Amino acid sequence: MSNQSVTDCCAPLACEPLSDAGAEDLAPLFKAVADPVRLRLLSLIACHEGGESCVCDLTDAFDVTGPAVSYHLRILREAGLISSERRGTWVYYRVNPQVMARMSAVLVPAPATAAGAVS
């Protein structure tokens, strides 16, 4: 996955079609969050106080095994959506804001035009 800025990647989908390269670059990111457990994990990490979350805080939030949570965290980490840091026996996770910004940039709706604006 390349390390592009938001503007280098692609314009919002509602403004212009996504290029082949832009689609290839973004598809793994959207695929990684296209799972309810991973989407919740991402949300829990992003919303956690201090912007990072210990794996011990995450496993209790799910009705799945610890290894299943670890698997989903690995998928998010490999996609570049989160990073991790081991501190003693625990691993702490943090959302990668640049990657999240790239994903959200293509989902921004087109600005309302004067002709299309509803009064």
PDB file of N, CA and C in Angstrom:
ATOM      1  N   MET A   1       0.840  -1.154   0.000  1.00  0.00           N
ATOM      2  CA  MET A   1       0.000   0.000   0.000  1.00  0.00           C
ATOM      3  C   MET A   1       0.894   1.228   0.000  1.00  0.00           C
ATOM      4  N   SER A   2       0.621   2.188  -0.851  1.00  0.00           N
ATOM      5  CA  SER A   2       1.457   3.369  -0.924  1.00  0.00           C
ATOM      6  C   SER A   2       1.090   4.346   0.170  1.00  0.00           C
ATOM      7  N   ASN A   3       2.000   5.275   0.441  1.00  0.00           N
ATOM      8  CA  ASN A   3       1.808   6.241   1.506  1.00  0.00           C
ATOM      9  C   ASN A   3       1.482   7.578   0.872  1.00  0.00           C
ATOM     10  N   GLN A   4       0.236   7.731   0.398  1.00  0.00           N
ATOM     11  CA  GLN A   4      -0.184   8.918  -0.318  1.00  0.00           C
ATOM     12  C   GLN A   4      -0.953   9.837   0.596  1.00  0.00           C
ATOM     13  N   SER A   5      -0.948  11.137   0.254  1.00  0.00           N
ATOM     14  CA  SER A   5      -1.791  12.064   0.988  1.00  0.00           C
ATOM     15  C   SER A   5      -3.221  11.897   0.502  1.00  0.00           C
ATOM     16  N   VAL A   6      -4.143  12.521   1.219  1.00  0.00           N
ATOM     17  CA  VAL A   6      -5.557  12.407   0.861  1.00  0.00           C
ATOM     18  C   VAL A   6      -5.801  12.942  -0.541  1.00  0.00           C
ATOM     19  N   THR A   7      -5.223  14.095  -0.879  1.00  0.00           N
ATOM     20  CA  THR A   7      -5.477  14.687  -2.185  1.00  0.00           C
ATOM     21  C   THR A   7      -4.779  13.923  -3.307  1.00  0.00           C
ATOM     22  N   ASP A   8      -3.651  13.274  -3.024  1.00  0.00           N
ATOM     23  CA  ASP A   8      -2.960  12.492  -4.043  1.00  0.00           C
ATOM     24  C   ASP A   8      -3.725  11.224  -4.394  1.00  0.00           C
ATOM     25  N   CYS A   9      -4.491  10.702  -3.446  1.00  0.00           N
ATOM     26  CA  CYS A   9      -5.152   9.419  -3.628  1.00  0.00           C
ATOM     27  C   CYS A   9      -6.284   9.514  -4.636  1.00  0.00           C
ATOM     28  N   CYS A  10      -7.265  10.265  -4.307  1.00  0.00           N
ATOM     29  CA  CYS A  10      -8.428  10.307  -5.166  1.00  0.00           C
ATOM     30  C   CYS A  10      -9.423  11.343  -4.675  1.00  0.00           C
ATOM     31  N   ALA A  11     -10.233  11.821  -5.612  1.00  0.00           N
ATOM     32  CA  ALA A  11     -11.300  12.762  -5.281  1.00  0.00           C
ATOM     33  C   ALA A  11     -12.489  11.972  -4.750  1.00  0.00           C
ATOM     34  N   PRO A  12     -13.392  12.654  -4.049  1.00  0.00           N
ATOM     35  CA  PRO A  12     -14.593  11.945  -3.589  1.00  0.00           C
ATOM     36  C   PRO A  12     -15.315  11.248  -4.741  1.00  0.00           C
ATOM     37  N   LEU A  13     -15.852  10.075  -4.461  1.00  0.00           N
ATOM     38  CA  LEU A  13     -16.531   9.275  -5.482  1.00  0.00           C
ATOM     39  C   LEU A  13     -17.659  10.038  -6.158  1.00  0.00           C
ATOM     40  N   ALA A  14     -18.304  10.916  -5.420  1.00  0.00           N
ATOM     41  CA  ALA A  14     -19.426  11.672  -5.984  1.00  0.00           C
ATOM     42  C   ALA A  14     -18.955  12.781  -6.914  1.00  0.00           C
ATOM     43  N   CYS A  15     -17.658  13.094  -6.918  1.00  0.00           N
ATOM     44  CA  CYS A  15     -17.133  14.176  -7.762  1.00  0.00           C
ATOM     45  C   CYS A  15     -16.524  13.670  -9.059  1.00  0.00           C
ATOM     46  N   GLU A  16     -15.842  12.547  -8.991  1.00  0.00           N
ATOM     47  CA  GLU A  16     -15.243  11.966 -10.192  1.00  0.00           C
ATOM     48  C   GLU A  16     -14.994  10.482  -9.955  1.00  0.00           C
ATOM     49  N   PRO A  17     -14.974   9.713 -11.032  1.00  0.00           N
ATOM     50  CA  PRO A  17     -14.761   8.263 -10.873  1.00  0.00           C
ATOM     51  C   PRO A  17     -13.395   7.966 -10.272  1.00  0.00           C
ATOM     52  N   LEU A  18     -13.334   6.941  -9.490  1.00  0.00           N
ATOM     53  CA  LEU A  18     -12.099   6.491  -8.866  1.00  0.00           C
ATOM     54  C   LEU A  18     -11.211   5.854  -9.930  1.00  0.00           C
ATOM     55  N   SER A  19      -9.936   6.180  -9.922  1.00  0.00           N
ATOM     56  CA  SER A  19      -9.004   5.594 -10.888  1.00  0.00           C
ATOM     57  C   SER A  19      -8.749   4.134 -10.535  1.00  0.00           C
ATOM     58  N   ASP A  20      -8.198   3.387 -11.484  1.00  0.00           N
ATOM     59  CA  ASP A  20      -7.830   1.992 -11.215  1.00  0.00           C
ATOM     60  C   ASP A  20      -6.845   1.915 -10.049  1.00  0.00           C
ATOM     61  N   ALA A  21      -5.837   2.787 -10.063  1.00  0.00           N
ATOM     62  CA  ALA A  21      -4.823   2.778  -9.001  1.00  0.00           C
ATOM     63  C   ALA A  21      -5.446   3.156  -7.654  1.00  0.00           C
ATOM     64  N   GLY A  22      -6.332   4.132  -7.657  1.00  0.00           N
ATOM     65  CA  GLY A  22      -7.003   4.535  -6.419  1.00  0.00           C
ATOM     66  C   GLY A  22      -7.853   3.412  -5.855  1.00  0.00           C
ATOM     67  N   ALA A  23      -8.562   2.712  -6.732  1.00  0.00           N
ATOM     68  CA  ALA A  23      -9.397   1.591  -6.291  1.00  0.00           C
ATOM     69  C   ALA A  23      -8.538   0.456  -5.743  1.00  0.00           C
ATOM     70  N   GLU A  24      -7.426   0.163  -6.419  1.00  0.00           N
ATOM     71  CA  GLU A  24      -6.510  -0.889  -5.950  1.00  0.00           C
ATOM     72  C   GLU A  24      -5.919  -0.530  -4.592  1.00  0.00           C
ATOM     73  N   ASP A  25      -5.647   0.737  -4.384  1.00  0.00           N
ATOM     74  CA  ASP A  25      -5.044   1.197  -3.133  1.00  0.00           C
ATOM     75  C   ASP A  25      -6.040   1.169  -1.973  1.00  0.00           C
ATOM     76  N   LEU A  26      -7.287   1.529  -2.246  1.00  0.00           N
ATOM     77  CA  LEU A  26      -8.285   1.637  -1.186  1.00  0.00           C
ATOM     78  C   LEU A  26      -9.044   0.344  -0.890  1.00  0.00           C
ATOM     79  N   ALA A  27      -9.158  -0.541  -1.852  1.00  0.00           N
ATOM     80  CA  ALA A  27      -9.951  -1.762  -1.660  1.00  0.00           C
ATOM     81  C   ALA A  27      -9.516  -2.584  -0.442  1.00  0.00           C
ATOM     82  N   PRO A  28      -8.222  -2.805  -0.206  1.00  0.00           N
ATOM     83  CA  PRO A  28      -7.845  -3.584   0.977  1.00  0.00           C
ATOM     84  C   PRO A  28      -8.256  -2.921   2.296  1.00  0.00           C
ATOM     85  N   LEU A  29      -8.288  -1.596   2.307  1.00  0.00           N
ATOM     86  CA  LEU A  29      -8.701  -0.887   3.519  1.00  0.00           C
ATOM     87  C   LEU A  29     -10.178  -1.128   3.805  1.00  0.00           C
ATOM     88  N   PHE A  30     -11.002  -0.965   2.764  1.00  0.00           N
ATOM     89  CA  PHE A  30     -12.435  -1.174   2.956  1.00  0.00           C
ATOM     90  C   PHE A  30     -12.753  -2.649   3.220  1.00  0.00           C
ATOM     91  N   LYS A  31     -11.983  -3.534   2.609  1.00  0.00           N
ATOM     92  CA  LYS A  31     -12.182  -4.962   2.861  1.00  0.00           C
ATOM     93  C   LYS A  31     -11.886  -5.282   4.325  1.00  0.00           C
ATOM     94  N   ALA A  32     -10.867  -4.651   4.883  1.00  0.00           N
ATOM     95  CA  ALA A  32     -10.490  -4.906   6.276  1.00  0.00           C
ATOM     96  C   ALA A  32     -11.582  -4.477   7.251  1.00  0.00           C
ATOM     97  N   VAL A  33     -12.310  -3.424   6.934  1.00  0.00           N
ATOM     98  CA  VAL A  33     -13.366  -2.964   7.853  1.00  0.00           C
ATOM     99  C   VAL A  33     -14.729  -3.550   7.508  1.00  0.00           C
ATOM    100  N   ALA A  34     -14.793  -4.390   6.493  1.00  0.00           N
ATOM    101  CA  ALA A  34     -16.067  -4.973   6.057  1.00  0.00           C
ATOM    102  C   ALA A  34     -16.415  -6.211   6.874  1.00  0.00           C
ATOM    103  N   ASP A  35     -16.206  -6.136   8.154  1.00  0.00           N
ATOM    104  CA  ASP A  35     -16.520  -7.217   9.084  1.00  0.00           C
ATOM    105  C   ASP A  35     -17.008  -6.550  10.366  1.00  0.00           C
ATOM    106  N   PRO A  36     -18.128  -6.990  10.925  1.00  0.00           N
ATOM    107  CA  PRO A  36     -18.670  -6.327  12.116  1.00  0.00           C
ATOM    108  C   PRO A  36     -17.700  -6.287  13.306  1.00  0.00           C
ATOM    109  N   VAL A  37     -16.960  -7.359  13.532  1.00  0.00           N
ATOM    110  CA  VAL A  37     -16.020  -7.369  14.663  1.00  0.00           C
ATOM    111  C   VAL A  37     -14.906  -6.364  14.416  1.00  0.00           C
ATOM    112  N   ARG A  38     -14.345  -6.348  13.217  1.00  0.00           N
ATOM    113  CA  ARG A  38     -13.249  -5.418  12.920  1.00  0.00           C
ATOM    114  C   ARG A  38     -13.728  -3.974  12.936  1.00  0.00           C
ATOM    115  N   LEU A  39     -14.922  -3.728  12.450  1.00  0.00           N
ATOM    116  CA  LEU A  39     -15.460  -2.372  12.474  1.00  0.00           C
ATOM    117  C   LEU A  39     -15.646  -1.896  13.914  1.00  0.00           C
ATOM    118  N   ARG A  40     -16.158  -2.772  14.768  1.00  0.00           N
ATOM    119  CA  ARG A  40     -16.307  -2.421  16.190  1.00  0.00           C
ATOM    120  C   ARG A  40     -14.955  -2.235  16.857  1.00  0.00           C
ATOM    121  N   LEU A  41     -13.990  -3.099  16.555  1.00  0.00           N
ATOM    122  CA  LEU A  41     -12.650  -2.947  17.120  1.00  0.00           C
ATOM    123  C   LEU A  41     -12.061  -1.586  16.751  1.00  0.00           C
ATOM    124  N   LEU A  42     -12.163  -1.234  15.495  1.00  0.00           N
ATOM    125  CA  LEU A  42     -11.645   0.049  15.026  1.00  0.00           C
ATOM    126  C   LEU A  42     -12.314   1.193  15.775  1.00  0.00           C
ATOM    127  N   SER A  43     -13.613   1.103  15.937  1.00  0.00           N
ATOM    128  CA  SER A  43     -14.359   2.127  16.651  1.00  0.00           C
ATOM    129  C   SER A  43     -13.953   2.194  18.124  1.00  0.00           C
ATOM    130  N   LEU A  44     -13.824   1.047  18.761  1.00  0.00           N
ATOM    131  CA  LEU A  44     -13.423   1.021  20.175  1.00  0.00           C
ATOM    132  C   LEU A  44     -12.036   1.628  20.381  1.00  0.00           C
ATOM    133  N   ILE A  45     -11.127   1.305  19.489  1.00  0.00           N
ATOM    134  CA  ILE A  45      -9.767   1.844  19.600  1.00  0.00           C
ATOM    135  C   ILE A  45      -9.783   3.353  19.387  1.00  0.00           C
ATOM    136  N   ALA A  46     -10.474   3.804  18.363  1.00  0.00           N
ATOM    137  CA  ALA A  46     -10.514   5.232  18.033  1.00  0.00           C
ATOM    138  C   ALA A  46     -11.176   6.052  19.134  1.00  0.00           C
ATOM    139  N   CYS A  47     -12.169   5.495  19.783  1.00  0.00           N
ATOM    140  CA  CYS A  47     -12.922   6.230  20.810  1.00  0.00           C
ATOM    141  C   CYS A  47     -12.335   6.097  22.207  1.00  0.00           C
ATOM    142  N   HIS A  48     -11.359   5.244  22.374  1.00  0.00           N
ATOM    143  CA  HIS A  48     -10.804   5.000  23.705  1.00  0.00           C
ATOM    144  C   HIS A  48     -10.040   6.222  24.198  1.00  0.00           C
ATOM    145  N   GLU A  49     -10.132   6.472  25.489  1.00  0.00           N
ATOM    146  CA  GLU A  49      -9.440   7.595  26.104  1.00  0.00           C
ATOM    147  C   GLU A  49      -7.947   7.543  25.778  1.00  0.00           C
ATOM    148  N   GLY A  50      -7.419   8.648  25.338  1.00  0.00           N
ATOM    149  CA  GLY A  50      -6.006   8.709  24.989  1.00  0.00           C
ATOM    150  C   GLY A  50      -5.703   8.257  23.577  1.00  0.00           C
ATOM    151  N   GLY A  51      -6.714   7.807  22.841  1.00  0.00           N
ATOM    152  CA  GLY A  51      -6.526   7.417  21.452  1.00  0.00           C
ATOM    153  C   GLY A  51      -5.869   6.070  21.245  1.00  0.00           C
ATOM    154  N   GLU A  52      -5.699   5.310  22.311  1.00  0.00           N
ATOM    155  CA  GLU A  52      -5.145   3.977  22.170  1.00  0.00           C
ATOM    156  C   GLU A  52      -5.833   3.054  23.158  1.00  0.00           C
ATOM    157  N   SER A  53      -5.795   1.772  22.849  1.00  0.00           N
ATOM    158  CA  SER A  53      -6.491   0.798  23.676  1.00  0.00           C
ATOM    159  C   SER A  53      -5.630  -0.444  23.861  1.00  0.00           C
ATOM    160  N   CYS A  54      -5.643  -0.954  25.066  1.00  0.00           N
ATOM    161  CA  CYS A  54      -4.942  -2.193  25.380  1.00  0.00           C
ATOM    162  C   CYS A  54      -5.786  -3.369  24.897  1.00  0.00           C
ATOM    163  N   VAL A  55      -5.127  -4.394  24.428  1.00  0.00           N
ATOM    164  CA  VAL A  55      -5.847  -5.586  23.978  1.00  0.00           C
ATOM    165  C   VAL A  55      -6.717  -6.141  25.105  1.00  0.00           C
ATOM    166  N   CYS A  56      -6.290  -5.940  26.341  1.00  0.00           N
ATOM    167  CA  CYS A  56      -7.084  -6.431  27.479  1.00  0.00           C
ATOM    168  C   CYS A  56      -8.430  -5.706  27.575  1.00  0.00           C
ATOM    169  N   ASP A  57      -8.492  -4.455  27.124  1.00  0.00           N
ATOM    170  CA  ASP A  57      -9.757  -3.710  27.103  1.00  0.00           C
ATOM    171  C   ASP A  57     -10.650  -4.149  25.951  1.00  0.00           C
ATOM    172  N   LEU A  58     -10.052  -4.638  24.899  1.00  0.00           N
ATOM    173  CA  LEU A  58     -10.812  -4.985  23.696  1.00  0.00           C
ATOM    174  C   LEU A  58     -11.450  -6.367  23.777  1.00  0.00           C
ATOM    175  N   THR A  59     -10.753  -7.313  24.349  1.00  0.00           N
ATOM    176  CA  THR A  59     -11.263  -8.690  24.349  1.00  0.00           C
ATOM    177  C   THR A  59     -12.550  -8.833  25.148  1.00  0.00           C
ATOM    178  N   ASP A  60     -12.706  -8.052  26.209  1.00  0.00           N
ATOM    179  CA  ASP A  60     -13.911  -8.145  27.033  1.00  0.00           C
ATOM    180  C   ASP A  60     -15.159  -7.598  26.332  1.00  0.00           C
ATOM    181  N   ALA A  61     -14.978  -6.832  25.273  1.00  0.00           N
ATOM    182  CA  ALA A  61     -16.110  -6.214  24.580  1.00  0.00           C
ATOM    183  C   ALA A  61     -16.795  -7.154  23.590  1.00  0.00           C
ATOM    184  N   PHE A  62     -16.255  -8.372  23.416  1.00  0.00           N
ATOM    185  CA  PHE A  62     -16.766  -9.280  22.394  1.00  0.00           C
ATOM    186  C   PHE A  62     -17.101 -10.647  22.967  1.00  0.00           C
ATOM    187  N   ASP A  63     -18.054 -11.301  22.329  1.00  0.00           N
ATOM    188  CA  ASP A  63     -18.413 -12.673  22.694  1.00  0.00           C
ATOM    189  C   ASP A  63     -17.671 -13.666  21.803  1.00  0.00           C
ATOM    190  N   VAL A  64     -16.406 -13.376  21.537  1.00  0.00           N
ATOM    191  CA  VAL A  64     -15.555 -14.284  20.771  1.00  0.00           C
ATOM    192  C   VAL A  64     -14.296 -14.530  21.600  1.00  0.00           C
ATOM    193  N   THR A  65     -13.530 -15.512  21.220  1.00  0.00           N
ATOM    194  CA  THR A  65     -12.322 -15.865  21.961  1.00  0.00           C
ATOM    195  C   THR A  65     -11.229 -14.813  21.785  1.00  0.00           C
ATOM    196  N   GLY A  66     -10.271 -14.828  22.695  1.00  0.00           N
ATOM    197  CA  GLY A  66      -9.119 -13.947  22.588  1.00  0.00           C
ATOM    198  C   GLY A  66      -8.357 -14.127  21.286  1.00  0.00           C
ATOM    199  N   PRO A  67      -8.114 -15.380  20.862  1.00  0.00           N
ATOM    200  CA  PRO A  67      -7.440 -15.570  19.578  1.00  0.00           C
ATOM    201  C   PRO A  67      -8.236 -14.991  18.393  1.00  0.00           C
ATOM    202  N   ALA A  68      -9.564 -15.024  18.464  1.00  0.00           N
ATOM    203  CA  ALA A  68     -10.374 -14.449  17.385  1.00  0.00           C
ATOM    204  C   ALA A  68     -10.201 -12.927  17.345  1.00  0.00           C
ATOM    205  N   VAL A  69     -10.181 -12.297  18.512  1.00  0.00           N
ATOM    206  CA  VAL A  69      -9.949 -10.850  18.570  1.00  0.00           C
ATOM    207  C   VAL A  69      -8.555 -10.531  18.027  1.00  0.00           C
ATOM    208  N   SER A  70      -7.563 -11.319  18.409  1.00  0.00           N
ATOM    209  CA  SER A  70      -6.200 -11.116  17.914  1.00  0.00           C
ATOM    210  C   SER A  70      -6.129 -11.240  16.396  1.00  0.00           C
ATOM    211  N   TYR A  71      -6.854 -12.194  15.843  1.00  0.00           N
ATOM    212  CA  TYR A  71      -6.899 -12.373  14.388  1.00  0.00           C
ATOM    213  C   TYR A  71      -7.446 -11.109  13.716  1.00  0.00           C
ATOM    214  N   HIS A  72      -8.554 -10.590  14.228  1.00  0.00           N
ATOM    215  CA  HIS A  72      -9.167  -9.395  13.636  1.00  0.00           C
ATOM    216  C   HIS A  72      -8.262  -8.172  13.792  1.00  0.00           C
ATOM    217  N   LEU A  73      -7.580  -8.067  14.919  1.00  0.00           N
ATOM    218  CA  LEU A  73      -6.633  -6.971  15.111  1.00  0.00           C
ATOM    219  C   LEU A  73      -5.479  -7.079  14.121  1.00  0.00           C
ATOM    220  N   ARG A  74      -5.035  -8.301  13.848  1.00  0.00           N
ATOM    221  CA  ARG A  74      -3.951  -8.502  12.875  1.00  0.00           C
ATOM    222  C   ARG A  74      -4.380  -8.040  11.490  1.00  0.00           C
ATOM    223  N   ILE A  75      -5.619  -8.355  11.102  1.00  0.00           N
ATOM    224  CA  ILE A  75      -6.127  -7.925   9.789  1.00  0.00           C
ATOM    225  C   ILE A  75      -6.124  -6.401   9.700  1.00  0.00           C
ATOM    226  N   LEU A  76      -6.593  -5.728  10.740  1.00  0.00           N
ATOM    227  CA  LEU A  76      -6.599  -4.265  10.762  1.00  0.00           C
ATOM    228  C   LEU A  76      -5.185  -3.703  10.726  1.00  0.00           C
ATOM    229  N   ARG A  77      -4.276  -4.334  11.450  1.00  0.00           N
ATOM    230  CA  ARG A  77      -2.880  -3.884  11.488  1.00  0.00           C
ATOM    231  C   ARG A  77      -2.204  -4.074  10.129  1.00  0.00           C
ATOM    232  N   GLU A  78      -2.407  -5.229   9.519  1.00  0.00           N
ATOM    233  CA  GLU A  78      -1.790  -5.495   8.209  1.00  0.00           C
ATOM    234  C   GLU A  78      -2.325  -4.572   7.128  1.00  0.00           C
ATOM    235  N   ALA A  79      -3.573  -4.128   7.258  1.00  0.00           N
ATOM    236  CA  ALA A  79      -4.147  -3.185   6.300  1.00  0.00           C
ATOM    237  C   ALA A  79      -3.622  -1.771   6.532  1.00  0.00           C
ATOM    238  N   GLY A  80      -2.997  -1.540   7.681  1.00  0.00           N
ATOM    239  CA  GLY A  80      -2.463  -0.216   7.986  1.00  0.00           C
ATOM    240  C   GLY A  80      -3.441   0.685   8.719  1.00  0.00           C
ATOM    241  N   LEU A  81      -4.590   0.146   9.108  1.00  0.00           N
ATOM    242  CA  LEU A  81      -5.588   0.957   9.791  1.00  0.00           C
ATOM    243  C   LEU A  81      -5.227   1.235  11.244  1.00  0.00           C
ATOM    244  N   ILE A  82      -4.485   0.333  11.854  1.00  0.00           N
ATOM    245  CA  ILE A  82      -4.042   0.518  13.236  1.00  0.00           C
ATOM    246  C   ILE A  82      -2.569   0.158  13.336  1.00  0.00           C
ATOM    247  N   SER A  83      -1.947   0.654  14.379  1.00  0.00           N
ATOM    248  CA  SER A  83      -0.582   0.248  14.699  1.00  0.00           C
ATOM    249  C   SER A  83      -0.608  -0.330  16.104  1.00  0.00           C
ATOM    250  N   SER A  84       0.438  -1.050  16.453  1.00  0.00           N
ATOM    251  CA  SER A  84       0.484  -1.671  17.772  1.00  0.00           C
ATOM    252  C   SER A  84       1.849  -1.460  18.396  1.00  0.00           C
ATOM    253  N   GLU A  85       1.844  -1.498  19.734  1.00  0.00           N
ATOM    254  CA  GLU A  85       3.080  -1.363  20.490  1.00  0.00           C
ATOM    255  C   GLU A  85       2.989  -2.267  21.716  1.00  0.00           C
ATOM    256  N   ARG A  86       3.987  -3.119  21.875  1.00  0.00           N
ATOM    257  CA  ARG A  86       4.021  -4.014  23.041  1.00  0.00           C
ATOM    258  C   ARG A  86       4.645  -3.257  24.205  1.00  0.00           C
ATOM    259  N   ARG A  87       3.957  -3.318  25.349  1.00  0.00           N
ATOM    260  CA  ARG A  87       4.459  -2.748  26.599  1.00  0.00           C
ATOM    261  C   ARG A  87       4.337  -3.829  27.661  1.00  0.00           C
ATOM    262  N   GLY A  88       5.437  -4.449  27.964  1.00  0.00           N
ATOM    263  CA  GLY A  88       5.422  -5.563  28.906  1.00  0.00           C
ATOM    264  C   GLY A  88       4.672  -6.730  28.294  1.00  0.00           C
ATOM    265  N   THR A  89       3.648  -7.198  28.993  1.00  0.00           N
ATOM    266  CA  THR A  89       2.889  -8.346  28.488  1.00  0.00           C
ATOM    267  C   THR A  89       1.692  -7.930  27.644  1.00  0.00           C
ATOM    268  N   TRP A  90       1.381  -6.635  27.596  1.00  0.00           N
ATOM    269  CA  TRP A  90       0.193  -6.173  26.866  1.00  0.00           C
ATOM    270  C   TRP A  90       0.579  -5.478  25.570  1.00  0.00           C
ATOM    271  N   VAL A  91      -0.346  -5.517  24.613  1.00  0.00           N
ATOM    272  CA  VAL A  91      -0.175  -4.821  23.346  1.00  0.00           C
ATOM    273  C   VAL A  91      -1.218  -3.704  23.293  1.00  0.00           C
ATOM    274  N   TYR A  92      -0.764  -2.525  22.924  1.00  0.00           N
ATOM    275  CA  TYR A  92      -1.640  -1.368  22.811  1.00  0.00           C
ATOM    276  C   TYR A  92      -1.815  -1.024  21.338  1.00  0.00           C
ATOM    277  N   TYR A  93      -3.041  -0.662  20.979  1.00  0.00           N
ATOM    278  CA  TYR A  93      -3.388  -0.371  19.587  1.00  0.00           C
ATOM    279  C   TYR A  93      -3.813   1.076  19.450  1.00  0.00           C
ATOM    280  N   ARG A  94      -3.464   1.661  18.308  1.00  0.00           N
ATOM    281  CA  ARG A  94      -3.785   3.054  17.993  1.00  0.00           C
ATOM    282  C   ARG A  94      -4.226   3.126  16.536  1.00  0.00           C
ATOM    283  N   VAL A  95      -5.251   3.924  16.263  1.00  0.00           N
ATOM    284  CA  VAL A  95      -5.745   4.118  14.903  1.00  0.00           C
ATOM    285  C   VAL A  95      -4.750   4.976  14.130  1.00  0.00           C
ATOM    286  N   ASN A  96      -4.557   4.669  12.851  1.00  0.00           N
ATOM    287  CA  ASN A  96      -3.707   5.463  11.971  1.00  0.00           C
ATOM    288  C   ASN A  96      -4.586   6.536  11.328  1.00  0.00           C
ATOM    289  N   PRO A  97      -4.521   7.788  11.803  1.00  0.00           N
ATOM    290  CA  PRO A  97      -5.435   8.823  11.304  1.00  0.00           C
ATOM    291  C   PRO A  97      -5.260   9.154   9.822  1.00  0.00           C
ATOM    292  N   GLN A  98      -4.043   9.024   9.299  1.00  0.00           N
ATOM    293  CA  GLN A  98      -3.830   9.325   7.880  1.00  0.00           C
ATOM    294  C   GLN A  98      -4.582   8.336   6.990  1.00  0.00           C
ATOM    295  N   VAL A  99      -4.567   7.077   7.366  1.00  0.00           N
ATOM    296  CA  VAL A  99      -5.266   6.054   6.575  1.00  0.00           C
ATOM    297  C   VAL A  99      -6.768   6.257   6.673  1.00  0.00           C
ATOM    298  N   MET A 100      -7.248   6.570   7.869  1.00  0.00           N
ATOM    299  CA  MET A 100      -8.677   6.828   8.045  1.00  0.00           C
ATOM    300  C   MET A 100      -9.103   8.045   7.216  1.00  0.00           C
ATOM    301  N   ALA A 101      -8.254   9.052   7.148  1.00  0.00           N
ATOM    302  CA  ALA A 101      -8.560  10.248   6.361  1.00  0.00           C
ATOM    303  C   ALA A 101      -8.652   9.914   4.870  1.00  0.00           C
ATOM    304  N   ARG A 102      -7.755   9.042   4.391  1.00  0.00           N
ATOM    305  CA  ARG A 102      -7.809   8.626   2.979  1.00  0.00           C
ATOM    306  C   ARG A 102      -9.117   7.924   2.668  1.00  0.00           C
ATOM    307  N   MET A 103      -9.548   7.053   3.590  1.00  0.00           N
ATOM    308  CA  MET A 103     -10.795   6.322   3.374  1.00  0.00           C
ATOM    309  C   MET A 103     -11.994   7.268   3.396  1.00  0.00           C
ATOM    310  N   SER A 104     -12.014   8.161   4.356  1.00  0.00           N
ATOM    311  CA  SER A 104     -13.162   9.052   4.478  1.00  0.00           C
ATOM    312  C   SER A 104     -13.208  10.076   3.355  1.00  0.00           C
ATOM    313  N   ALA A 105     -12.054  10.438   2.797  1.00  0.00           N
ATOM    314  CA  ALA A 105     -12.024  11.437   1.731  1.00  0.00           C
ATOM    315  C   ALA A 105     -12.812  10.993   0.502  1.00  0.00           C
ATOM    316  N   VAL A 106     -12.804   9.715   0.191  1.00  0.00           N
ATOM    317  CA  VAL A 106     -13.542   9.265  -0.995  1.00  0.00           C
ATOM    318  C   VAL A 106     -15.028   9.132  -0.730  1.00  0.00           C
ATOM    319  N   LEU A 107     -15.434   9.199   0.519  1.00  0.00           N
ATOM    320  CA  LEU A 107     -16.846   9.048   0.864  1.00  0.00           C
ATOM    321  C   LEU A 107     -17.549  10.380   1.073  1.00  0.00           C
ATOM    322  N   VAL A 108     -16.813  11.484   0.967  1.00  0.00           N
ATOM    323  CA  VAL A 108     -17.401  12.803   1.155  1.00  0.00           C
ATOM    324  C   VAL A 108     -18.365  13.080   0.014  1.00  0.00           C
ATOM    325  N   PRO A 109     -19.607  13.461   0.336  1.00  0.00           N
ATOM    326  CA  PRO A 109     -20.551  13.743  -0.753  1.00  0.00           C
ATOM    327  C   PRO A 109     -20.165  15.023  -1.493  1.00  0.00           C
ATOM    328  N   ALA A 110     -20.617  15.112  -2.729  1.00  0.00           N
ATOM    329  CA  ALA A 110     -20.363  16.308  -3.530  1.00  0.00           C
ATOM    330  C   ALA A 110     -21.068  17.499  -2.891  1.00  0.00           C
ATOM    331  N   PRO A 111     -20.447  18.684  -2.924  1.00  0.00           N
ATOM    332  CA  PRO A 111     -21.118  19.855  -2.350  1.00  0.00           C
ATOM    333  C   PRO A 111     -22.403  20.150  -3.127  1.00  0.00           C
ATOM    334  N   ALA A 112     -23.394  20.646  -2.427  1.00  0.00           N
ATOM    335  CA  ALA A 112     -24.664  20.991  -3.070  1.00  0.00           C
ATOM    336  C   ALA A 112     -24.448  22.154  -4.018  1.00  0.00           C
ATOM    337  N   THR A 113     -24.996  22.040  -5.195  1.00  0.00           N
ATOM    338  CA  THR A 113     -24.901  23.130  -6.160  1.00  0.00           C
ATOM    339  C   THR A 113     -26.142  23.993  -6.047  1.00  0.00           C
ATOM    340  N   ALA A 114     -26.072  25.189  -6.580  1.00  0.00           N
ATOM    341  CA  ALA A 114     -27.219  26.113  -6.504  1.00  0.00           C
ATOM    342  C   ALA A 114     -28.452  25.494  -7.164  1.00  0.00           C
ATOM    343  N   ALA A 115     -28.261  24.805  -8.291  1.00  0.00           N
ATOM    344  CA  ALA A 115     -29.388  24.210  -8.995  1.00  0.00           C
ATOM    345  C   ALA A 115     -29.947  23.007  -8.256  1.00  0.00           C
ATOM    346  N   GLY A 116     -29.062  22.288  -7.548  1.00  0.00           N
ATOM    347  CA  GLY A 116     -29.488  21.070  -6.879  1.00  0.00           C
ATOM    348  C   GLY A 116     -29.820  21.248  -5.425  1.00  0.00           C
ATOM    349  N   ALA A 117     -29.584  22.460  -4.895  1.00  0.00           N
ATOM    350  CA  ALA A 117     -29.830  22.687  -3.471  1.00  0.00           C
ATOM    351  C   ALA A 117     -31.319  22.761  -3.181  1.00  0.00           C
ATOM    352  N   VAL A 118     -31.700  22.201  -2.057  1.00  0.00           N
ATOM    353  CA  VAL A 118     -33.102  22.234  -1.640  1.00  0.00           C
ATOM    354  C   VAL A 118     -33.273  23.387  -0.670  1.00  0.00           C
ATOM    355  N   SER A 119     -34.281  24.202  -0.880  1.00  0.00           N
ATOM    356  CA  SER A 119     -34.538  25.347  -0.004  1.00  0.00           C
ATOM    357  C   SER A 119     -35.442  24.988   1.119  1.00  0.00           C
TER     358      SER A 119
END
